[in-house]
Amino acid sequence: MHAFDVLGDPVRRRILELLADGEATSGMVTEVVTAEFGISQPAVSQHLKVLRENGFATVRPEGTRRLYSVGTEPLREIDEWLRPFRRFWAPRLDALGTELARGKRERRKQQENP
């Protein structure tokens, strides 16, 4: 399965967002995803399986629990694929960073000289 096919599903993207915060049990992932998407535990397990089989998630057993985390290799491949497109947004993000820094400096000056 192609990386974008895997990430094309909103449930799988949400699972990766949860895992981006750090290792999570399958139970925690299932609880959040079933609440947000209204799907069953077996459906969440299938999504975790797709992520695992395609390298987006890794799993390690800890006693009776299964702990999932983000698999980085497919994300590196996507990052590499996106490289030629960064020119469309990188300058704008740089300009935004400059404006944010300018605003911080102005607020700091106003606080120092009330």
PDB file of N, CA and C in Angstrom:
ATOM      1  N   MET A   1       0.853  -1.170   0.000  1.00  0.00           N
ATOM      2  CA  MET A   1       0.000   0.000   0.000  1.00  0.00           C
ATOM      3  C   MET A   1       0.903   1.239   0.000  1.00  0.00           C
ATOM      4  N   HIS A   2       0.563   2.205  -0.803  1.00  0.00           N
ATOM      5  CA  HIS A   2       1.331   3.450  -0.892  1.00  0.00           C
ATOM      6  C   HIS A   2       1.088   4.296   0.358  1.00  0.00           C
ATOM      7  N   ALA A   3       2.095   5.043   0.750  1.00  0.00           N
ATOM      8  CA  ALA A   3       2.018   5.847   1.968  1.00  0.00           C
ATOM      9  C   ALA A   3       0.810   6.777   1.970  1.00  0.00           C
ATOM     10  N   PHE A   4       0.509   7.385   0.836  1.00  0.00           N
ATOM     11  CA  PHE A   4      -0.620   8.307   0.793  1.00  0.00           C
ATOM     12  C   PHE A   4      -1.949   7.568   0.855  1.00  0.00           C
ATOM     13  N   ASP A   5      -1.991   6.326   0.426  1.00  0.00           N
ATOM     14  CA  ASP A   5      -3.190   5.515   0.599  1.00  0.00           C
ATOM     15  C   ASP A   5      -3.420   5.237   2.080  1.00  0.00           C
ATOM     16  N   VAL A   6      -2.349   4.956   2.786  1.00  0.00           N
ATOM     17  CA  VAL A   6      -2.450   4.705   4.222  1.00  0.00           C
ATOM     18  C   VAL A   6      -2.930   5.962   4.931  1.00  0.00           C
ATOM     19  N   LEU A   7      -2.345   7.099   4.597  1.00  0.00           N
ATOM     20  CA  LEU A   7      -2.679   8.352   5.276  1.00  0.00           C
ATOM     21  C   LEU A   7      -3.939   9.012   4.738  1.00  0.00           C
ATOM     22  N   GLY A   8      -4.493   8.470   3.671  1.00  0.00           N
ATOM     23  CA  GLY A   8      -5.719   9.031   3.104  1.00  0.00           C
ATOM     24  C   GLY A   8      -6.931   8.814   3.986  1.00  0.00           C
ATOM     25  N   ASP A   9      -6.833   7.908   4.916  1.00  0.00           N
ATOM     26  CA  ASP A   9      -7.954   7.612   5.799  1.00  0.00           C
ATOM     27  C   ASP A   9      -7.886   8.492   7.043  1.00  0.00           C
ATOM     28  N   PRO A  10      -8.960   9.216   7.358  1.00  0.00           N
ATOM     29  CA  PRO A  10      -8.922  10.120   8.520  1.00  0.00           C
ATOM     30  C   PRO A  10      -8.734   9.397   9.852  1.00  0.00           C
ATOM     31  N   VAL A  11      -9.219   8.175   9.961  1.00  0.00           N
ATOM     32  CA  VAL A  11      -9.029   7.426  11.205  1.00  0.00           C
ATOM     33  C   VAL A  11      -7.557   7.123  11.409  1.00  0.00           C
ATOM     34  N   ARG A  12      -6.885   6.689  10.360  1.00  0.00           N
ATOM     35  CA  ARG A  12      -5.451   6.378  10.494  1.00  0.00           C
ATOM     36  C   ARG A  12      -4.637   7.641  10.761  1.00  0.00           C
ATOM     37  N   ARG A  13      -5.023   8.747  10.131  1.00  0.00           N
ATOM     38  CA  ARG A  13      -4.308  10.003  10.425  1.00  0.00           C
ATOM     39  C   ARG A  13      -4.492  10.373  11.893  1.00  0.00           C
ATOM     40  N   ARG A  14      -5.693  10.198  12.422  1.00  0.00           N
ATOM     41  CA  ARG A  14      -5.949  10.534  13.830  1.00  0.00           C
ATOM     42  C   ARG A  14      -5.144   9.627  14.756  1.00  0.00           C
ATOM     43  N   ILE A  15      -5.072   8.359  14.415  1.00  0.00           N
ATOM     44  CA  ILE A  15      -4.272   7.436  15.229  1.00  0.00           C
ATOM     45  C   ILE A  15      -2.820   7.892  15.260  1.00  0.00           C
ATOM     46  N   LEU A  16      -2.287   8.292  14.101  1.00  0.00           N
ATOM     47  CA  LEU A  16      -0.903   8.778  14.075  1.00  0.00           C
ATOM     48  C   LEU A  16      -0.741  10.046  14.907  1.00  0.00           C
ATOM     49  N   GLU A  17      -1.737  10.917  14.882  1.00  0.00           N
ATOM     50  CA  GLU A  17      -1.674  12.112  15.723  1.00  0.00           C
ATOM     51  C   GLU A  17      -1.592  11.732  17.193  1.00  0.00           C
ATOM     52  N   LEU A  18      -2.388  10.746  17.585  1.00  0.00           N
ATOM     53  CA  LEU A  18      -2.346  10.286  18.976  1.00  0.00           C
ATOM     54  C   LEU A  18      -0.977   9.713  19.316  1.00  0.00           C
ATOM     55  N   LEU A  19      -0.420   8.932  18.402  1.00  0.00           N
ATOM     56  CA  LEU A  19       0.877   8.311  18.646  1.00  0.00           C
ATOM     57  C   LEU A  19       2.018   9.319  18.597  1.00  0.00           C
ATOM     58  N   ALA A  20       1.811  10.426  17.915  1.00  0.00           N
ATOM     59  CA  ALA A  20       2.854  11.457  17.849  1.00  0.00           C
ATOM     60  C   ALA A  20       3.122  12.060  19.228  1.00  0.00           C
ATOM     61  N   ASP A  21       2.138  11.971  20.118  1.00  0.00           N
ATOM     62  CA  ASP A  21       2.319  12.481  21.482  1.00  0.00           C
ATOM     63  C   ASP A  21       3.137  11.533  22.335  1.00  0.00           C
ATOM     64  N   GLY A  22       3.399  10.337  21.836  1.00  0.00           N
ATOM     65  CA  GLY A  22       4.177   9.346  22.575  1.00  0.00           C
ATOM     66  C   GLY A  22       3.484   7.996  22.530  1.00  0.00           C
ATOM     67  N   GLU A  23       4.157   7.032  23.079  1.00  0.00           N
ATOM     68  CA  GLU A  23       3.651   5.669  23.084  1.00  0.00           C
ATOM     69  C   GLU A  23       2.256   5.615  23.713  1.00  0.00           C
ATOM     70  N   ALA A  24       1.382   4.790  23.128  1.00  0.00           N
ATOM     71  CA  ALA A  24       0.015   4.669  23.641  1.00  0.00           C
ATOM     72  C   ALA A  24      -0.435   3.216  23.574  1.00  0.00           C
ATOM     73  N   THR A  25      -1.262   2.848  24.520  1.00  0.00           N
ATOM     74  CA  THR A  25      -1.801   1.493  24.497  1.00  0.00           C
ATOM     75  C   THR A  25      -2.880   1.403  23.426  1.00  0.00           C
ATOM     76  N   SER A  26      -3.107   0.193  22.957  1.00  0.00           N
ATOM     77  CA  SER A  26      -4.171  -0.007  21.974  1.00  0.00           C
ATOM     78  C   SER A  26      -5.516   0.371  22.595  1.00  0.00           C
ATOM     79  N   GLY A  27      -5.671   0.141  23.893  1.00  0.00           N
ATOM     80  CA  GLY A  27      -6.915   0.505  24.566  1.00  0.00           C
ATOM     81  C   GLY A  27      -7.165   2.001  24.554  1.00  0.00           C
ATOM     82  N   MET A  28      -6.130   2.792  24.809  1.00  0.00           N
ATOM     83  CA  MET A  28      -6.281   4.248  24.788  1.00  0.00           C
ATOM     84  C   MET A  28      -6.626   4.731  23.391  1.00  0.00           C
ATOM     85  N   VAL A  29      -5.909   4.199  22.392  1.00  0.00           N
ATOM     86  CA  VAL A  29      -6.175   4.581  21.005  1.00  0.00           C
ATOM     87  C   VAL A  29      -7.609   4.221  20.644  1.00  0.00           C
ATOM     88  N   THR A  30      -8.027   3.020  20.995  1.00  0.00           N
ATOM     89  CA  THR A  30      -9.384   2.569  20.687  1.00  0.00           C
ATOM     90  C   THR A  30     -10.422   3.454  21.355  1.00  0.00           C
ATOM     91  N   GLU A  31     -10.190   3.796  22.616  1.00  0.00           N
ATOM     92  CA  GLU A  31     -11.139   4.640  23.348  1.00  0.00           C
ATOM     93  C   GLU A  31     -11.340   5.982  22.649  1.00  0.00           C
ATOM     94  N   VAL A  32     -10.254   6.636  22.284  1.00  0.00           N
ATOM     95  CA  VAL A  32     -10.340   7.947  21.646  1.00  0.00           C
ATOM     96  C   VAL A  32     -10.990   7.834  20.265  1.00  0.00           C
ATOM     97  N   VAL A  33     -10.519   6.881  19.475  1.00  0.00           N
ATOM     98  CA  VAL A  33     -11.008   6.762  18.096  1.00  0.00           C
ATOM     99  C   VAL A  33     -12.474   6.343  18.051  1.00  0.00           C
ATOM    100  N   THR A  34     -12.881   5.434  18.916  1.00  0.00           N
ATOM    101  CA  THR A  34     -14.298   5.040  18.907  1.00  0.00           C
ATOM    102  C   THR A  34     -15.186   6.210  19.324  1.00  0.00           C
ATOM    103  N   ALA A  35     -14.720   7.015  20.263  1.00  0.00           N
ATOM    104  CA  ALA A  35     -15.497   8.180  20.687  1.00  0.00           C
ATOM    105  C   ALA A  35     -15.597   9.219  19.572  1.00  0.00           C
ATOM    106  N   GLU A  36     -14.504   9.435  18.859  1.00  0.00           N
ATOM    107  CA  GLU A  36     -14.489  10.478  17.832  1.00  0.00           C
ATOM    108  C   GLU A  36     -15.131  10.046  16.519  1.00  0.00           C
ATOM    109  N   PHE A  37     -14.975   8.774  16.158  1.00  0.00           N
ATOM    110  CA  PHE A  37     -15.438   8.315  14.851  1.00  0.00           C
ATOM    111  C   PHE A  37     -16.623   7.353  14.922  1.00  0.00           C
ATOM    112  N   GLY A  38     -16.933   6.890  16.115  1.00  0.00           N
ATOM    113  CA  GLY A  38     -18.063   5.988  16.269  1.00  0.00           C
ATOM    114  C   GLY A  38     -17.876   4.631  15.608  1.00  0.00           C
ATOM    115  N   ILE A  39     -16.637   4.151  15.573  1.00  0.00           N
ATOM    116  CA  ILE A  39     -16.374   2.849  14.982  1.00  0.00           C
ATOM    117  C   ILE A  39     -16.064   1.840  16.079  1.00  0.00           C
ATOM    118  N   SER A  40     -16.149   0.576  15.743  1.00  0.00           N
ATOM    119  CA  SER A  40     -15.973  -0.494  16.723  1.00  0.00           C
ATOM    120  C   SER A  40     -14.502  -0.745  17.048  1.00  0.00           C
ATOM    121  N   GLN A  41     -14.280  -1.470  18.135  1.00  0.00           N
ATOM    122  CA  GLN A  41     -12.924  -1.854  18.520  1.00  0.00           C
ATOM    123  C   GLN A  41     -12.256  -2.688  17.432  1.00  0.00           C
ATOM    124  N   PRO A  42     -12.953  -3.678  16.818  1.00  0.00           N
ATOM    125  CA  PRO A  42     -12.308  -4.430  15.735  1.00  0.00           C
ATOM    126  C   PRO A  42     -11.907  -3.553  14.545  1.00  0.00           C
ATOM    127  N   ALA A  43     -12.701  -2.514  14.271  1.00  0.00           N
ATOM    128  CA  ALA A  43     -12.359  -1.602  13.169  1.00  0.00           C
ATOM    129  C   ALA A  43     -11.094  -0.815  13.501  1.00  0.00           C
ATOM    130  N   VAL A  44     -10.978  -0.369  14.754  1.00  0.00           N
ATOM    131  CA  VAL A  44      -9.763   0.347  15.175  1.00  0.00           C
ATOM    132  C   VAL A  44      -8.571  -0.588  15.072  1.00  0.00           C
ATOM    133  N   SER A  45      -8.746  -1.832  15.485  1.00  0.00           N
ATOM    134  CA  SER A  45      -7.662  -2.816  15.391  1.00  0.00           C
ATOM    135  C   SER A  45      -7.207  -3.002  13.953  1.00  0.00           C
ATOM    136  N   GLN A  46      -8.151  -2.990  13.028  1.00  0.00           N
ATOM    137  CA  GLN A  46      -7.794  -3.119  11.606  1.00  0.00           C
ATOM    138  C   GLN A  46      -6.964  -1.923  11.144  1.00  0.00           C
ATOM    139  N   HIS A  47      -7.335  -0.727  11.587  1.00  0.00           N
ATOM    140  CA  HIS A  47      -6.564   0.464  11.221  1.00  0.00           C
ATOM    141  C   HIS A  47      -5.159   0.403  11.819  1.00  0.00           C
ATOM    142  N   LEU A  48      -5.065  -0.043  13.055  1.00  0.00           N
ATOM    143  CA  LEU A  48      -3.740  -0.205  13.679  1.00  0.00           C
ATOM    144  C   LEU A  48      -2.912  -1.232  12.910  1.00  0.00           C
ATOM    145  N   LYS A  49      -3.557  -2.288  12.449  1.00  0.00           N
ATOM    146  CA  LYS A  49      -2.865  -3.313  11.673  1.00  0.00           C
ATOM    147  C   LYS A  49      -2.323  -2.739  10.371  1.00  0.00           C
ATOM    148  N   VAL A  50      -3.129  -1.948   9.672  1.00  0.00           N
ATOM    149  CA  VAL A  50      -2.678  -1.328   8.423  1.00  0.00           C
ATOM    150  C   VAL A  50      -1.482  -0.423   8.693  1.00  0.00           C
ATOM    151  N   LEU A  51      -1.563   0.379   9.748  1.00  0.00           N
ATOM    152  CA  LEU A  51      -0.436   1.259  10.092  1.00  0.00           C
ATOM    153  C   LEU A  51       0.812   0.444  10.418  1.00  0.00           C
ATOM    154  N   ARG A  52       0.633  -0.619  11.167  1.00  0.00           N
ATOM    155  CA  ARG A  52       1.762  -1.470  11.561  1.00  0.00           C
ATOM    156  C   ARG A  52       2.369  -2.160  10.347  1.00  0.00           C
ATOM    157  N   GLU A  53       1.534  -2.754   9.495  1.00  0.00           N
ATOM    158  CA  GLU A  53       2.038  -3.489   8.325  1.00  0.00           C
ATOM    159  C   GLU A  53       2.730  -2.584   7.313  1.00  0.00           C
ATOM    160  N   ASN A  54       2.400  -1.304   7.329  1.00  0.00           N
ATOM    161  CA  ASN A  54       3.018  -0.373   6.393  1.00  0.00           C
ATOM    162  C   ASN A  54       4.106   0.484   7.030  1.00  0.00           C
ATOM    163  N   GLY A  55       4.482   0.143   8.260  1.00  0.00           N
ATOM    164  CA  GLY A  55       5.612   0.788   8.918  1.00  0.00           C
ATOM    165  C   GLY A  55       5.318   2.104   9.598  1.00  0.00           C
ATOM    166  N   PHE A  56       4.059   2.557   9.582  1.00  0.00           N
ATOM    167  CA  PHE A  56       3.721   3.829  10.215  1.00  0.00           C
ATOM    168  C   PHE A  56       3.608   3.714  11.728  1.00  0.00           C
ATOM    169  N   ALA A  57       3.414   2.500  12.204  1.00  0.00           N
ATOM    170  CA  ALA A  57       3.322   2.274  13.648  1.00  0.00           C
ATOM    171  C   ALA A  57       4.136   1.036  14.004  1.00  0.00           C
ATOM    172  N   THR A  58       4.692   1.078  15.187  1.00  0.00           N
ATOM    173  CA  THR A  58       5.369  -0.098  15.729  1.00  0.00           C
ATOM    174  C   THR A  58       4.625  -0.492  16.996  1.00  0.00           C
ATOM    175  N   VAL A  59       4.755  -1.740  17.353  1.00  0.00           N
ATOM    176  CA  VAL A  59       4.071  -2.221  18.549  1.00  0.00           C
ATOM    177  C   VAL A  59       5.039  -3.065  19.361  1.00  0.00           C
ATOM    178  N   ARG A  60       4.920  -2.931  20.669  1.00  0.00           N
ATOM    179  CA  ARG A  60       5.716  -3.779  21.543  1.00  0.00           C
ATOM    180  C   ARG A  60       4.820  -4.246  22.682  1.00  0.00           C
ATOM    181  N   PRO A  61       4.931  -5.522  22.996  1.00  0.00           N
ATOM    182  CA  PRO A  61       4.126  -6.034  24.107  1.00  0.00           C
ATOM    183  C   PRO A  61       4.738  -5.630  25.435  1.00  0.00           C
ATOM    184  N   GLU A  62       3.887  -5.353  26.386  1.00  0.00           N
ATOM    185  CA  GLU A  62       4.312  -5.093  27.765  1.00  0.00           C
ATOM    186  C   GLU A  62       3.289  -5.789  28.655  1.00  0.00           C
ATOM    187  N   GLY A  63       3.633  -6.986  29.063  1.00  0.00           N
ATOM    188  CA  GLY A  63       2.676  -7.795  29.815  1.00  0.00           C
ATOM    189  C   GLY A  63       1.507  -8.145  28.906  1.00  0.00           C
ATOM    190  N   THR A  64       0.315  -7.801  29.331  1.00  0.00           N
ATOM    191  CA  THR A  64      -0.876  -8.076  28.518  1.00  0.00           C
ATOM    192  C   THR A  64      -1.237  -6.918  27.601  1.00  0.00           C
ATOM    193  N   ARG A  65      -0.511  -5.815  27.724  1.00  0.00           N
ATOM    194  CA  ARG A  65      -0.811  -4.633  26.899  1.00  0.00           C
ATOM    195  C   ARG A  65       0.052  -4.603  25.652  1.00  0.00           C
ATOM    196  N   ARG A  66      -0.448  -3.904  24.640  1.00  0.00           N
ATOM    197  CA  ARG A  66       0.325  -3.653  23.435  1.00  0.00           C
ATOM    198  C   ARG A  66       0.512  -2.142  23.329  1.00  0.00           C
ATOM    199  N   LEU A  67       1.763  -1.730  23.272  1.00  0.00           N
ATOM    200  CA  LEU A  67       2.079  -0.304  23.204  1.00  0.00           C
ATOM    201  C   LEU A  67       2.484   0.058  21.777  1.00  0.00           C
ATOM    202  N   TYR A  68       1.805   1.054  21.243  1.00  0.00           N
ATOM    203  CA  TYR A  68       2.049   1.505  19.879  1.00  0.00           C
ATOM    204  C   TYR A  68       2.825   2.812  19.892  1.00  0.00           C
ATOM    205  N   SER A  69       3.652   2.976  18.876  1.00  0.00           N
ATOM    206  CA  SER A  69       4.368   4.239  18.681  1.00  0.00           C
ATOM    207  C   SER A  69       4.501   4.485  17.180  1.00  0.00           C
ATOM    208  N   VAL A  70       4.913   5.685  16.831  1.00  0.00           N
ATOM    209  CA  VAL A  70       5.045   6.065  15.423  1.00  0.00           C
ATOM    210  C   VAL A  70       6.271   5.380  14.821  1.00  0.00           C
ATOM    211  N   GLY A  71       6.082   4.820  13.648  1.00  0.00           N
ATOM    212  CA  GLY A  71       7.197   4.320  12.846  1.00  0.00           C
ATOM    213  C   GLY A  71       7.656   5.440  11.935  1.00  0.00           C
ATOM    214  N   THR A  72       8.918   5.761  11.932  1.00  0.00           N
ATOM    215  CA  THR A  72       9.381   6.984  11.260  1.00  0.00           C
ATOM    216  C   THR A  72       9.758   6.819   9.788  1.00  0.00           C
ATOM    217  N   GLU A  73      10.130   5.639   9.363  1.00  0.00           N
ATOM    218  CA  GLU A  73      10.645   5.488   7.996  1.00  0.00           C
ATOM    219  C   GLU A  73       9.654   5.944   6.918  1.00  0.00           C
ATOM    220  N   PRO A  74       8.381   5.519   6.947  1.00  0.00           N
ATOM    221  CA  PRO A  74       7.459   5.994   5.918  1.00  0.00           C
ATOM    222  C   PRO A  74       7.270   7.512   5.959  1.00  0.00           C
ATOM    223  N   LEU A  75       7.349   8.097   7.157  1.00  0.00           N
ATOM    224  CA  LEU A  75       7.217   9.546   7.262  1.00  0.00           C
ATOM    225  C   LEU A  75       8.417  10.245   6.633  1.00  0.00           C
ATOM    226  N   ARG A  76       9.595   9.648   6.761  1.00  0.00           N
ATOM    227  CA  ARG A  76      10.775  10.211   6.090  1.00  0.00           C
ATOM    228  C   ARG A  76      10.599  10.170   4.577  1.00  0.00           C
ATOM    229  N   GLU A  77      10.034   9.079   4.081  1.00  0.00           N
ATOM    230  CA  GLU A  77       9.795   8.960   2.648  1.00  0.00           C
ATOM    231  C   GLU A  77       8.813  10.019   2.163  1.00  0.00           C
ATOM    232  N   ILE A  78       7.775  10.278   2.937  1.00  0.00           N
ATOM    233  CA  ILE A  78       6.814  11.326   2.575  1.00  0.00           C
ATOM    234  C   ILE A  78       7.489  12.685   2.627  1.00  0.00           C
ATOM    235  N   ASP A  79       8.290  12.904   3.644  1.00  0.00           N
ATOM    236  CA  ASP A  79       9.020  14.158   3.768  1.00  0.00           C
ATOM    237  C   ASP A  79       9.913  14.386   2.544  1.00  0.00           C
ATOM    238  N   GLU A  80      10.566  13.331   2.108  1.00  0.00           N
ATOM    239  CA  GLU A  80      11.416  13.433   0.912  1.00  0.00           C
ATOM    240  C   GLU A  80      10.576  13.736  -0.325  1.00  0.00           C
ATOM    241  N   TRP A  81       9.434  13.104  -0.443  1.00  0.00           N
ATOM    242  CA  TRP A  81       8.563  13.333  -1.596  1.00  0.00           C
ATOM    243  C   TRP A  81       8.077  14.788  -1.614  1.00  0.00           C
ATOM    244  N   LEU A  82       7.848  15.370  -0.435  1.00  0.00           N
ATOM    245  CA  LEU A  82       7.352  16.741  -0.331  1.00  0.00           C
ATOM    246  C   LEU A  82       8.421  17.797  -0.614  1.00  0.00           C
ATOM    247  N   ARG A  83       9.684  17.406  -0.603  1.00  0.00           N
ATOM    248  CA  ARG A  83      10.786  18.358  -0.742  1.00  0.00           C
ATOM    249  C   ARG A  83      10.591  19.353  -1.893  1.00  0.00           C
ATOM    250  N   PRO A  84      10.272  18.931  -3.115  1.00  0.00           N
ATOM    251  CA  PRO A  84      10.138  19.912  -4.199  1.00  0.00           C
ATOM    252  C   PRO A  84       8.967  20.874  -4.033  1.00  0.00           C
ATOM    253  N   PHE A  85       8.019  20.538  -3.167  1.00  0.00           N
ATOM    254  CA  PHE A  85       6.837  21.379  -3.000  1.00  0.00           C
ATOM    255  C   PHE A  85       6.998  22.407  -1.892  1.00  0.00           C
ATOM    256  N   ARG A  86       8.033  22.271  -1.093  1.00  0.00           N
ATOM    257  CA  ARG A  86       8.221  23.192   0.036  1.00  0.00           C
ATOM    258  C   ARG A  86       8.396  24.638  -0.425  1.00  0.00           C
ATOM    259  N   ARG A  87       8.877  24.822  -1.631  1.00  0.00           N
ATOM    260  CA  ARG A  87       9.092  26.194  -2.119  1.00  0.00           C
ATOM    261  C   ARG A  87       7.787  26.983  -2.179  1.00  0.00           C
ATOM    262  N   PHE A  88       6.660  26.275  -2.189  1.00  0.00           N
ATOM    263  CA  PHE A  88       5.372  26.960  -2.241  1.00  0.00           C
ATOM    264  C   PHE A  88       4.964  27.538  -0.898  1.00  0.00           C
ATOM    265  N   TRP A  89       5.428  26.946   0.207  1.00  0.00           N
ATOM    266  CA  TRP A  89       5.015  27.456   1.509  1.00  0.00           C
ATOM    267  C   TRP A  89       6.170  27.895   2.398  1.00  0.00           C
ATOM    268  N   ALA A  90       7.386  27.462   2.127  1.00  0.00           N
ATOM    269  CA  ALA A  90       8.511  27.813   3.012  1.00  0.00           C
ATOM    270  C   ALA A  90       8.711  29.325   3.123  1.00  0.00           C
ATOM    271  N   PRO A  91       8.709  30.089   2.018  1.00  0.00           N
ATOM    272  CA  PRO A  91       8.902  31.540   2.163  1.00  0.00           C
ATOM    273  C   PRO A  91       7.796  32.191   2.996  1.00  0.00           C
ATOM    274  N   ARG A  92       6.579  31.705   2.846  1.00  0.00           N
ATOM    275  CA  ARG A  92       5.480  32.285   3.629  1.00  0.00           C
ATOM    276  C   ARG A  92       5.647  31.969   5.118  1.00  0.00           C
ATOM    277  N   LEU A  93       6.083  30.761   5.413  1.00  0.00           N
ATOM    278  CA  LEU A  93       6.309  30.409   6.811  1.00  0.00           C
ATOM    279  C   LEU A  93       7.468  31.204   7.391  1.00  0.00           C
ATOM    280  N   ASP A  94       8.492  31.431   6.591  1.00  0.00           N
ATOM    281  CA  ASP A  94       9.613  32.262   7.044  1.00  0.00           C
ATOM    282  C   ASP A  94       9.134  33.684   7.336  1.00  0.00           C
ATOM    283  N   ALA A  95       8.304  34.232   6.450  1.00  0.00           N
ATOM    284  CA  ALA A  95       7.771  35.579   6.653  1.00  0.00           C
ATOM    285  C   ALA A  95       6.898  35.626   7.905  1.00  0.00           C
ATOM    286  N   LEU A  96       6.103  34.598   8.125  1.00  0.00           N
ATOM    287  CA  LEU A  96       5.283  34.541   9.331  1.00  0.00           C
ATOM    288  C   LEU A  96       6.169  34.513  10.567  1.00  0.00           C
ATOM    289  N   GLY A  97       7.241  33.731  10.536  1.00  0.00           N
ATOM    290  CA  GLY A  97       8.176  33.682  11.661  1.00  0.00           C
ATOM    291  C   GLY A  97       8.773  35.042  11.949  1.00  0.00           C
ATOM    292  N   THR A  98       9.108  35.775  10.902  1.00  0.00           N
ATOM    293  CA  THR A  98       9.656  37.125  11.059  1.00  0.00           C
ATOM    294  C   THR A  98       8.631  38.046  11.713  1.00  0.00           C
ATOM    295  N   GLU A  99       7.381  37.983  11.262  1.00  0.00           N
ATOM    296  CA  GLU A  99       6.334  38.842  11.825  1.00  0.00           C
ATOM    297  C   GLU A  99       6.048  38.481  13.278  1.00  0.00           C
ATOM    298  N   LEU A 100       6.058  37.192  13.604  1.00  0.00           N
ATOM    299  CA  LEU A 100       5.841  36.788  14.993  1.00  0.00           C
ATOM    300  C   LEU A 100       6.963  37.309  15.893  1.00  0.00           C
ATOM    301  N   ALA A 101       8.192  37.203  15.418  1.00  0.00           N
ATOM    302  CA  ALA A 101       9.329  37.716  16.196  1.00  0.00           C
ATOM    303  C   ALA A 101       9.220  39.226  16.362  1.00  0.00           C
ATOM    304  N   ARG A 102       8.822  39.915  15.305  1.00  0.00           N
ATOM    305  CA  ARG A 102       8.663  41.372  15.379  1.00  0.00           C
ATOM    306  C   ARG A 102       7.590  41.729  16.417  1.00  0.00           C
ATOM    307  N   GLY A 103       6.490  41.002  16.410  1.00  0.00           N
ATOM    308  CA  GLY A 103       5.416  41.259  17.375  1.00  0.00           C
ATOM    309  C   GLY A 103       5.868  41.018  18.804  1.00  0.00           C
ATOM    310  N   LYS A 104       6.657  39.972  19.025  1.00  0.00           N
ATOM    311  CA  LYS A 104       7.179  39.695  20.363  1.00  0.00           C
ATOM    312  C   LYS A 104       8.082  40.818  20.837  1.00  0.00           C
ATOM    313  N   ARG A 105       8.940  41.307  19.920  1.00  0.00           N
ATOM    314  CA  ARG A 105       9.828  42.419  20.283  1.00  0.00           C
ATOM    315  C   ARG A 105       9.021  43.653  20.659  1.00  0.00           C
ATOM    316  N   GLU A 106       7.976  43.950  19.892  1.00  0.00           N
ATOM    317  CA  GLU A 106       7.151  45.126  20.168  1.00  0.00           C
ATOM    318  C   GLU A 106       6.446  44.996  21.521  1.00  0.00           C
ATOM    319  N   ARG A 107       5.911  43.815  21.824  1.00  0.00           N
ATOM    320  CA  ARG A 107       5.243  43.609  23.117  1.00  0.00           C
ATOM    321  C   ARG A 107       6.245  43.749  24.261  1.00  0.00           C
ATOM    322  N   ARG A 108       7.437  43.209  24.058  1.00  0.00           N
ATOM    323  CA  ARG A 108       8.465  43.310  25.095  1.00  0.00           C
ATOM    324  C   ARG A 108       8.827  44.776  25.329  1.00  0.00           C
ATOM    325  N   LYS A 109       8.967  45.550  24.262  1.00  0.00           N
ATOM    326  CA  LYS A 109       9.280  46.978  24.400  1.00  0.00           C
ATOM    327  C   LYS A 109       8.182  47.712  25.139  1.00  0.00           C
ATOM    328  N   GLN A 110       6.922  47.377  24.816  1.00  0.00           N
ATOM    329  CA  GLN A 110       5.796  48.039  25.477  1.00  0.00           C
ATOM    330  C   GLN A 110       5.741  47.690  26.959  1.00  0.00           C
ATOM    331  N   GLN A 111       6.095  46.470  27.307  1.00  0.00           N
ATOM    332  CA  GLN A 111       6.095  46.066  28.721  1.00  0.00           C
ATOM    333  C   GLN A 111       7.234  46.729  29.480  1.00  0.00           C
ATOM    334  N   GLU A 112       8.363  46.965  28.818  1.00  0.00           N
ATOM    335  CA  GLU A 112       9.506  47.587  29.469  1.00  0.00           C
ATOM    336  C   GLU A 112       9.303  49.089  29.631  1.00  0.00           C
ATOM    337  N   ASN A 113       8.588  49.701  28.704  1.00  0.00           N
ATOM    338  CA  ASN A 113       8.349  51.155  28.704  1.00  0.00           C
ATOM    339  C   ASN A 113       6.853  51.429  28.711  1.00  0.00           C
ATOM    340  N   PRO A 114       6.191  51.243  29.834  1.00  0.00           N
ATOM    341  CA  PRO A 114       4.717  51.433  29.860  1.00  0.00           C
ATOM    342  C   PRO A 114       4.286  52.863  29.699  1.00  0.00           C
TER     343      PRO A 114
END
